[in-house]
Amino acid sequence: MLKDLDWFTREARDLPWRRTLDPYAIWVSEIMLQQTQVKTVIPYWERWMRELPDIAALASASPEKIHKLWEGLGYYTRVRNLQKAAQQLVRENGGAFPQTFDAVLALTGIGRYTAGAITSIAFNQPSPILDGNVIRVLTRLHGIEENPRDKETNAKLWQLAEELVRAAARHESRITLHSTLLLSGPCSALNQSLMELGALLCTPKQPNCEVCPWRKPCAARATNRVEALPNLGKRAAATDRRFIAFLVQHRGQWLVEQRPAGVVNAHLWEFPNVEIDSQTTDLLPTAKKLLGGKPAQLEPLVTIKHSITRYRISLEAMLASRKKRRRRRKVPVG
């Protein structure tokens, strides 16, 4: 199988973080790519690296700046943990990024997958990785029918991933590294090829098995079970949630408030809003309670619908008009 790693060096997407072996740059890309599509991340990553090019710059940046650079990516705990880890490195390691798996794993916000990705890609260490793409490739390749979220099955997949990357480390001479990509070595090529296979060919729906370099040994293809694997079980039922946001303008300025610490999207600024039930029709009492006074009028502005995990969210924005003060009539004297 290792000879097929040339597929990655031929077919891999040209992504900006693949043109560097800087562990900081790779770290930032891996954190941004969590729960976010590649095409969305590219401009964010490029802007981030221009504004905060190294660990020291990130560690000393203001919370307002890092949140602004992250704005739109969501899951803002990621960026706060990113800065906490950078500050930890400045404080304890002179601002240098560690090269061992255990040291990287000890950083705030970094789990087993991210530590494996950084150390294998940047330093060619035989550290296994296991994300959604890799799970899909390995369950199909080995015909694993059990749910990969189950503890025993997940441990088995980690073991398979480790066996592959360690085999790559032992057979460096069998892997051709092309100049079109900056690769630290065969461990980097192996792990990135697994992720790339899952992203480009071994996709959740309509996988392109005919051009896959692992089509011959693939157990799922041999038994016509490609579409059935991985077996992730039933999805949790979707939950509808309704929010109302009130937009209040005064003298060219809009009323906004900052979310408190310890909640979702902490410290971000937003229009005053509240979650209500689907049956509520009279919004004036809600507006009065939230704004500290009853608006003269509520005008529907726009309804935005989006999904986060299993939640189907509907956000109704209402333009709240303030009561106009009556002008006092001037009474002529004399």
Protein backbone atom coordinates (compact mmCIF):
# COMPACT_ATOMS: atom_id res chain seq x y z
CA MET A 1 0.00 0.00 0.00
CA LEU A 2 2.85 2.44 0.74
CA LYS A 3 3.82 2.70 -2.91
CA ASP A 4 0.43 4.25 -3.57
CA LEU A 5 1.41 7.31 -1.52
CA ASP A 6 2.65 8.77 -4.80
CA TRP A 7 -1.06 9.37 -5.49
CA PHE A 8 -1.05 12.04 -2.81
CA THR A 9 2.00 13.85 -4.13
CA ARG A 10 0.42 13.85 -7.61
CA GLU A 11 -3.20 14.64 -6.78
CA ALA A 12 -3.17 16.61 -3.50
CA ARG A 13 -4.88 19.97 -3.47
CA ASP A 14 -2.63 23.00 -3.44
CA LEU A 15 -3.45 24.41 -0.01
CA PRO A 16 -1.44 27.29 1.48
CA TRP A 17 -0.55 25.46 4.70
CA ARG A 18 0.96 22.66 2.61
CA ARG A 19 3.63 25.07 1.35
CA THR A 20 5.25 25.34 4.77
CA LEU A 21 6.65 23.11 7.50
CA ASP A 22 6.22 25.79 10.16
CA PRO A 23 4.45 23.95 13.03
CA TYR A 24 2.70 27.17 14.10
CA ALA A 25 1.16 27.63 10.65
CA ILE A 26 0.13 23.97 10.51
CA TRP A 27 -1.31 24.19 14.03
CA VAL A 28 -3.44 27.20 13.10
CA SER A 29 -4.74 25.41 9.99
CA GLU A 30 -5.65 22.29 11.94
CA ILE A 31 -7.60 24.26 14.55
CA MET A 32 -9.42 26.25 11.88
CA LEU A 33 -10.28 23.10 9.93
CA GLN A 34 -12.13 21.58 12.88
CA GLN A 35 -15.84 21.61 11.98
CA THR A 36 -15.10 23.91 9.01
CA GLN A 37 -14.70 23.32 5.27
CA VAL A 38 -11.36 23.84 3.53
CA LYS A 39 -12.68 26.46 1.09
CA THR A 40 -13.96 28.52 4.02
CA VAL A 41 -10.71 28.26 5.97
CA ILE A 42 -8.26 29.36 3.23
CA PRO A 43 -8.91 33.15 3.35
CA TYR A 44 -9.14 33.10 7.16
CA TRP A 45 -5.81 31.28 7.44
CA GLU A 46 -4.08 33.61 5.01
CA ARG A 47 -5.37 36.71 6.81
CA TRP A 48 -4.44 35.25 10.21
CA MET A 49 -0.88 34.49 9.13
CA ARG A 50 -0.45 38.04 7.81
CA GLU A 51 -1.72 39.59 11.04
CA LEU A 52 -0.29 37.09 13.56
CA PRO A 53 2.68 35.42 11.83
CA ASP A 54 4.15 33.64 14.86
CA ILE A 55 3.48 32.37 18.37
CA ALA A 56 4.68 35.56 20.04
CA ALA A 57 2.31 37.70 17.96
CA LEU A 58 -0.64 35.48 18.84
CA ALA A 59 0.27 35.40 22.54
CA SER A 60 0.35 39.21 22.79
CA ALA A 61 -2.68 39.96 20.60
CA SER A 62 -5.75 41.52 22.18
CA PRO A 63 -8.86 39.37 22.64
CA GLU A 64 -10.70 41.79 20.34
CA LYS A 65 -8.20 41.18 17.55
CA ILE A 66 -8.22 37.40 17.69
CA HIS A 67 -12.02 37.34 17.81
CA LYS A 68 -12.20 39.70 14.84
CA LEU A 69 -9.81 37.54 12.82
CA TRP A 70 -11.88 34.48 13.74
CA GLU A 71 -15.24 36.14 13.16
CA GLY A 72 -17.44 33.88 11.02
CA LEU A 73 -15.62 30.60 11.69
CA GLY A 74 -17.72 29.82 14.77
CA TYR A 75 -16.85 27.60 17.73
CA TYR A 76 -14.96 30.51 19.31
CA THR A 77 -13.58 28.42 22.15
CA ARG A 78 -11.07 27.22 19.56
CA VAL A 79 -9.48 30.64 19.09
CA ARG A 80 -9.37 31.38 22.82
CA ASN A 81 -7.66 28.05 23.46
CA LEU A 82 -5.28 28.79 20.60
CA GLN A 83 -4.16 31.96 22.31
CA LYS A 84 -3.97 30.30 25.73
CA ALA A 85 -1.64 27.67 24.27
CA ALA A 86 0.49 30.35 22.59
CA GLN A 87 0.80 32.20 25.91
CA GLN A 88 1.71 28.92 27.58
CA LEU A 89 4.50 28.37 25.01
CA VAL A 90 5.88 31.89 25.50
CA ARG A 91 5.78 31.47 29.27
CA GLU A 92 7.21 27.95 29.49
CA ASN A 93 9.10 27.31 26.24
CA GLY A 94 10.46 30.65 25.13
CA GLY A 95 7.87 30.86 22.36
CA ALA A 96 9.20 27.76 20.58
CA PHE A 97 6.82 25.08 19.34
CA PRO A 98 7.54 21.63 20.87
CA GLN A 99 8.46 18.73 18.60
CA THR A 100 7.29 15.74 20.63
CA PHE A 101 3.77 14.32 20.57
CA ASP A 102 3.32 14.38 24.35
CA ALA A 103 4.46 18.00 24.64
CA VAL A 104 2.10 19.10 21.85
CA LEU A 105 -0.76 17.10 23.38
CA ALA A 106 -0.25 18.94 26.67
CA LEU A 107 -1.12 22.30 25.08
CA THR A 108 -4.53 23.83 25.74
CA GLY A 109 -7.12 22.92 23.11
CA ILE A 110 -5.07 20.18 21.44
CA GLY A 111 -6.33 16.61 21.39
CA ARG A 112 -4.90 13.35 20.16
CA TYR A 113 -5.78 13.91 16.51
CA THR A 114 -4.43 17.47 16.33
CA ALA A 115 -1.20 16.53 18.11
CA GLY A 116 -0.71 13.65 15.69
CA ALA A 117 -1.41 15.82 12.67
CA ILE A 118 1.02 18.56 13.70
CA THR A 119 3.89 16.28 14.72
CA SER A 120 3.61 14.03 11.66
CA ILE A 121 3.17 16.84 9.12
CA ALA A 122 5.73 19.27 10.56
CA PHE A 123 8.29 16.84 12.03
CA ASN A 124 7.68 13.52 10.21
CA GLN A 125 6.96 11.73 13.46
CA PRO A 126 5.07 8.39 13.26
CA SER A 127 2.04 9.79 15.08
CA PRO A 128 -1.34 8.37 14.01
CA ILE A 129 -4.34 10.52 13.14
CA LEU A 130 -8.03 9.67 13.16
CA ASP A 131 -10.64 12.16 11.97
CA GLY A 132 -13.86 11.69 10.02
CA ASN A 133 -12.09 11.29 6.69
CA VAL A 134 -9.59 8.76 8.03
CA ILE A 135 -12.33 6.80 9.81
CA ARG A 136 -14.23 6.50 6.54
CA VAL A 137 -11.14 5.29 4.66
CA LEU A 138 -10.11 2.73 7.29
CA THR A 139 -13.57 1.29 7.97
CA ARG A 140 -14.11 0.74 4.25
CA LEU A 141 -10.59 -0.52 3.61
CA HIS A 142 -10.84 -3.12 6.40
CA GLY A 143 -14.58 -3.77 6.16
CA ILE A 144 -15.24 -2.74 9.76
CA GLU A 145 -18.99 -2.99 10.37
CA GLU A 146 -19.10 -1.83 14.00
CA ASN A 147 -19.88 1.78 14.88
CA PRO A 148 -16.54 3.68 14.96
CA ARG A 149 -17.85 5.74 17.88
CA ASP A 150 -17.90 2.64 20.08
CA LYS A 151 -14.93 2.52 22.42
CA GLU A 152 -13.48 -0.80 21.23
CA THR A 153 -13.95 -0.04 17.56
CA ASN A 154 -12.44 3.42 17.94
CA ALA A 155 -9.40 1.93 19.68
CA LYS A 156 -9.04 -0.57 16.84
CA LEU A 157 -9.09 2.24 14.27
CA TRP A 158 -6.42 4.16 16.18
CA GLN A 159 -4.29 1.00 16.17
CA LEU A 160 -4.71 0.56 12.41
CA ALA A 161 -3.78 4.19 11.82
CA GLU A 162 -0.68 3.76 13.97
CA GLU A 163 0.37 0.62 12.13
CA LEU A 164 0.15 2.44 8.81
CA VAL A 165 2.17 5.47 9.85
CA ARG A 166 4.82 3.33 11.53
CA ALA A 167 5.09 1.22 8.39
CA ALA A 168 5.58 4.42 6.41
CA ALA A 169 8.38 5.48 8.77
CA ARG A 170 10.19 2.17 8.17
CA HIS A 171 10.00 2.36 4.38
CA GLU A 172 11.12 5.87 3.58
CA SER A 173 13.00 4.76 0.46
CA ARG A 174 9.80 3.42 -1.10
CA ILE A 175 8.08 6.80 -1.09
CA THR A 176 8.82 9.43 -3.70
CA LEU A 177 8.58 12.97 -2.38
CA HIS A 178 7.81 15.51 -5.07
CA SER A 179 8.86 19.15 -5.04
CA THR A 180 5.30 20.40 -5.55
CA LEU A 181 4.58 19.89 -1.86
CA LEU A 182 6.60 20.62 1.25
CA LEU A 183 6.64 17.26 3.00
CA SER A 184 8.74 16.50 6.05
CA GLY A 185 8.86 12.81 5.08
CA PRO A 186 6.82 9.63 4.62
CA CYS A 187 4.85 9.94 7.86
CA SER A 188 3.64 13.33 6.71
CA ALA A 189 2.76 11.92 3.28
CA LEU A 190 0.91 8.92 4.76
CA ASN A 191 -1.27 10.86 7.16
CA GLN A 192 -2.09 13.58 4.67
CA SER A 193 -2.89 10.98 2.01
CA LEU A 194 -5.42 9.31 4.33
CA MET A 195 -7.15 12.65 4.94
CA GLU A 196 -7.03 13.55 1.24
CA LEU A 197 -8.47 10.18 0.16
CA GLY A 198 -11.42 10.73 2.46
CA ALA A 199 -11.92 14.29 1.25
CA LEU A 200 -11.57 13.72 -2.50
CA LEU A 201 -12.30 10.08 -3.34
CA CYS A 202 -13.60 8.07 -0.38
CA THR A 203 -16.43 10.52 0.22
CA PRO A 204 -19.57 9.87 2.31
CA LYS A 205 -21.75 9.70 -0.81
CA GLN A 206 -20.87 8.60 -4.34
CA PRO A 207 -17.21 7.71 -3.64
CA ASN A 208 -14.98 7.53 -6.70
CA CYS A 209 -13.69 4.02 -6.17
CA GLU A 210 -12.49 3.51 -9.74
CA VAL A 211 -9.55 5.87 -9.36
CA CYS A 212 -8.78 5.15 -5.69
CA PRO A 213 -5.20 3.83 -5.21
CA TRP A 214 -6.51 1.41 -2.54
CA ARG A 215 -9.41 0.01 -4.55
CA LYS A 216 -7.90 -3.48 -4.88
CA PRO A 217 -7.41 -4.26 -1.16
CA CYS A 218 -10.62 -2.42 -0.12
CA ALA A 219 -12.90 -4.89 1.69
CA ALA A 220 -15.99 -2.68 1.38
CA ARG A 221 -15.62 -2.47 -2.39
CA ALA A 222 -15.08 -6.21 -2.69
CA THR A 223 -18.30 -6.94 -0.78
CA ASN A 224 -20.36 -4.05 -2.21
CA ARG A 225 -20.68 -2.30 1.18
CA VAL A 226 -19.04 1.03 0.39
CA GLU A 227 -22.23 3.07 0.87
CA ALA A 228 -23.03 1.23 4.13
CA LEU A 229 -19.72 2.04 5.82
CA PRO A 230 -18.86 3.57 8.15
CA ASN A 231 -21.77 2.48 10.31
CA LEU A 232 -22.39 5.62 12.37
CA GLY A 233 -25.78 4.53 13.71
CA LYS A 234 -28.89 6.66 13.66
CA ARG A 235 -28.59 10.41 13.77
CA ALA A 236 -30.08 12.26 16.70
CA ALA A 237 -33.45 13.78 15.89
CA ALA A 238 -33.30 17.42 14.80
CA THR A 239 -34.47 20.01 17.32
CA ASP A 240 -36.13 23.26 16.22
CA ARG A 241 -35.19 26.44 18.11
CA ARG A 242 -36.60 29.94 17.65
CA PHE A 243 -34.82 33.17 18.55
CA ILE A 244 -35.97 36.78 18.32
CA ALA A 245 -33.45 39.62 17.92
CA PHE A 246 -34.41 43.25 18.44
CA LEU A 247 -32.61 45.95 16.46
CA VAL A 248 -32.73 49.35 18.12
CA GLN A 249 -31.18 52.43 16.50
CA HIS A 250 -30.58 55.78 18.13
CA ARG A 251 -28.79 58.73 16.55
CA GLY A 252 -27.06 56.55 14.00
CA GLN A 253 -25.91 53.92 16.48
CA TRP A 254 -27.22 50.42 17.12
CA LEU A 255 -27.82 48.84 20.49
CA VAL A 256 -25.60 45.79 21.00
CA GLU A 257 -24.52 43.79 24.04
CA GLN A 258 -21.58 41.54 24.85
CA ARG A 259 -22.18 37.92 25.72
CA PRO A 260 -20.90 36.93 29.18
CA ALA A 261 -18.09 34.50 29.88
CA GLY A 262 -18.87 30.81 30.20
CA VAL A 263 -21.58 30.64 27.54
CA VAL A 264 -21.63 29.73 23.86
CA ASN A 265 -19.94 32.47 21.79
CA ALA A 266 -18.71 34.14 24.98
CA HIS A 267 -17.46 37.76 24.71
CA LEU A 268 -18.95 38.31 21.25
CA TRP A 269 -21.18 41.29 20.51
CA GLU A 270 -24.75 40.82 19.34
CA PHE A 271 -28.15 42.46 19.05
CA PRO A 272 -30.34 41.84 22.13
CA ASN A 273 -32.02 38.50 21.53
CA VAL A 274 -33.82 35.73 23.33
CA GLU A 275 -35.05 32.22 22.65
CA ILE A 276 -38.83 31.83 22.70
CA ASP A 277 -41.28 29.04 21.97
CA SER A 278 -42.79 28.51 18.54
CA GLN A 279 -46.30 29.47 19.69
CA THR A 280 -45.56 33.04 20.80
CA THR A 281 -47.12 35.69 18.53
CA ASP A 282 -47.19 38.82 20.68
CA LEU A 283 -43.55 39.92 20.89
CA LEU A 284 -44.08 43.27 22.62
CA PRO A 285 -43.91 41.85 26.18
CA THR A 286 -40.70 40.03 25.27
CA ALA A 287 -39.22 43.21 23.81
CA LYS A 288 -40.21 45.24 26.88
CA LYS A 289 -38.56 42.76 29.23
CA LEU A 290 -35.38 42.50 27.16
CA LEU A 291 -34.96 46.17 26.27
CA GLY A 292 -36.15 47.68 29.54
CA GLY A 293 -39.00 49.49 27.89
CA LYS A 294 -41.84 48.86 25.49
CA PRO A 295 -41.02 49.89 21.90
CA ALA A 296 -43.55 51.92 19.95
CA GLN A 297 -43.54 49.43 17.12
CA LEU A 298 -41.97 46.15 16.01
CA GLU A 299 -41.35 45.71 12.31
CA PRO A 300 -40.25 42.32 10.90
CA LEU A 301 -36.92 42.78 9.13
CA VAL A 302 -35.59 39.37 8.13
CA THR A 303 -35.70 35.71 9.18
CA ILE A 304 -32.45 33.75 9.08
CA LYS A 305 -32.43 29.96 9.23
CA HIS A 306 -29.33 27.87 9.84
CA SER A 307 -28.22 24.63 11.44
CA ILE A 308 -25.68 23.91 14.17
CA THR A 309 -25.13 20.20 14.87
CA ARG A 310 -28.64 18.80 15.47
CA TYR A 311 -30.31 22.17 16.01
CA ARG A 312 -32.43 23.84 13.31
CA ILE A 313 -32.38 27.50 14.28
CA SER A 314 -34.71 30.24 13.13
CA LEU A 315 -33.67 33.80 14.01
CA GLU A 316 -36.28 36.51 13.47
CA ALA A 317 -34.88 40.04 13.42
CA MET A 318 -37.32 42.75 14.44
CA LEU A 319 -36.76 46.48 14.00
CA ALA A 320 -37.83 48.10 17.26
CA SER A 321 -38.93 51.73 16.96
CA ARG A 322 -38.49 53.95 19.97
CA LYS A 323 -41.33 56.13 21.23
CA LYS A 324 -41.01 59.68 19.98
CA ARG A 325 -41.04 62.42 22.57
CA ARG A 326 -43.73 64.99 22.11
CA ARG A 327 -42.43 68.44 21.42
CA ARG A 328 -43.66 71.08 23.82
CA ARG A 329 -45.59 73.84 22.15
CA LYS A 330 -44.17 77.29 22.72
CA VAL A 331 -46.79 79.60 24.16
CA PRO A 332 -46.31 83.24 23.21
CA VAL A 333 -45.85 85.55 26.19
CA GLY A 334 -47.71 88.85 26.39
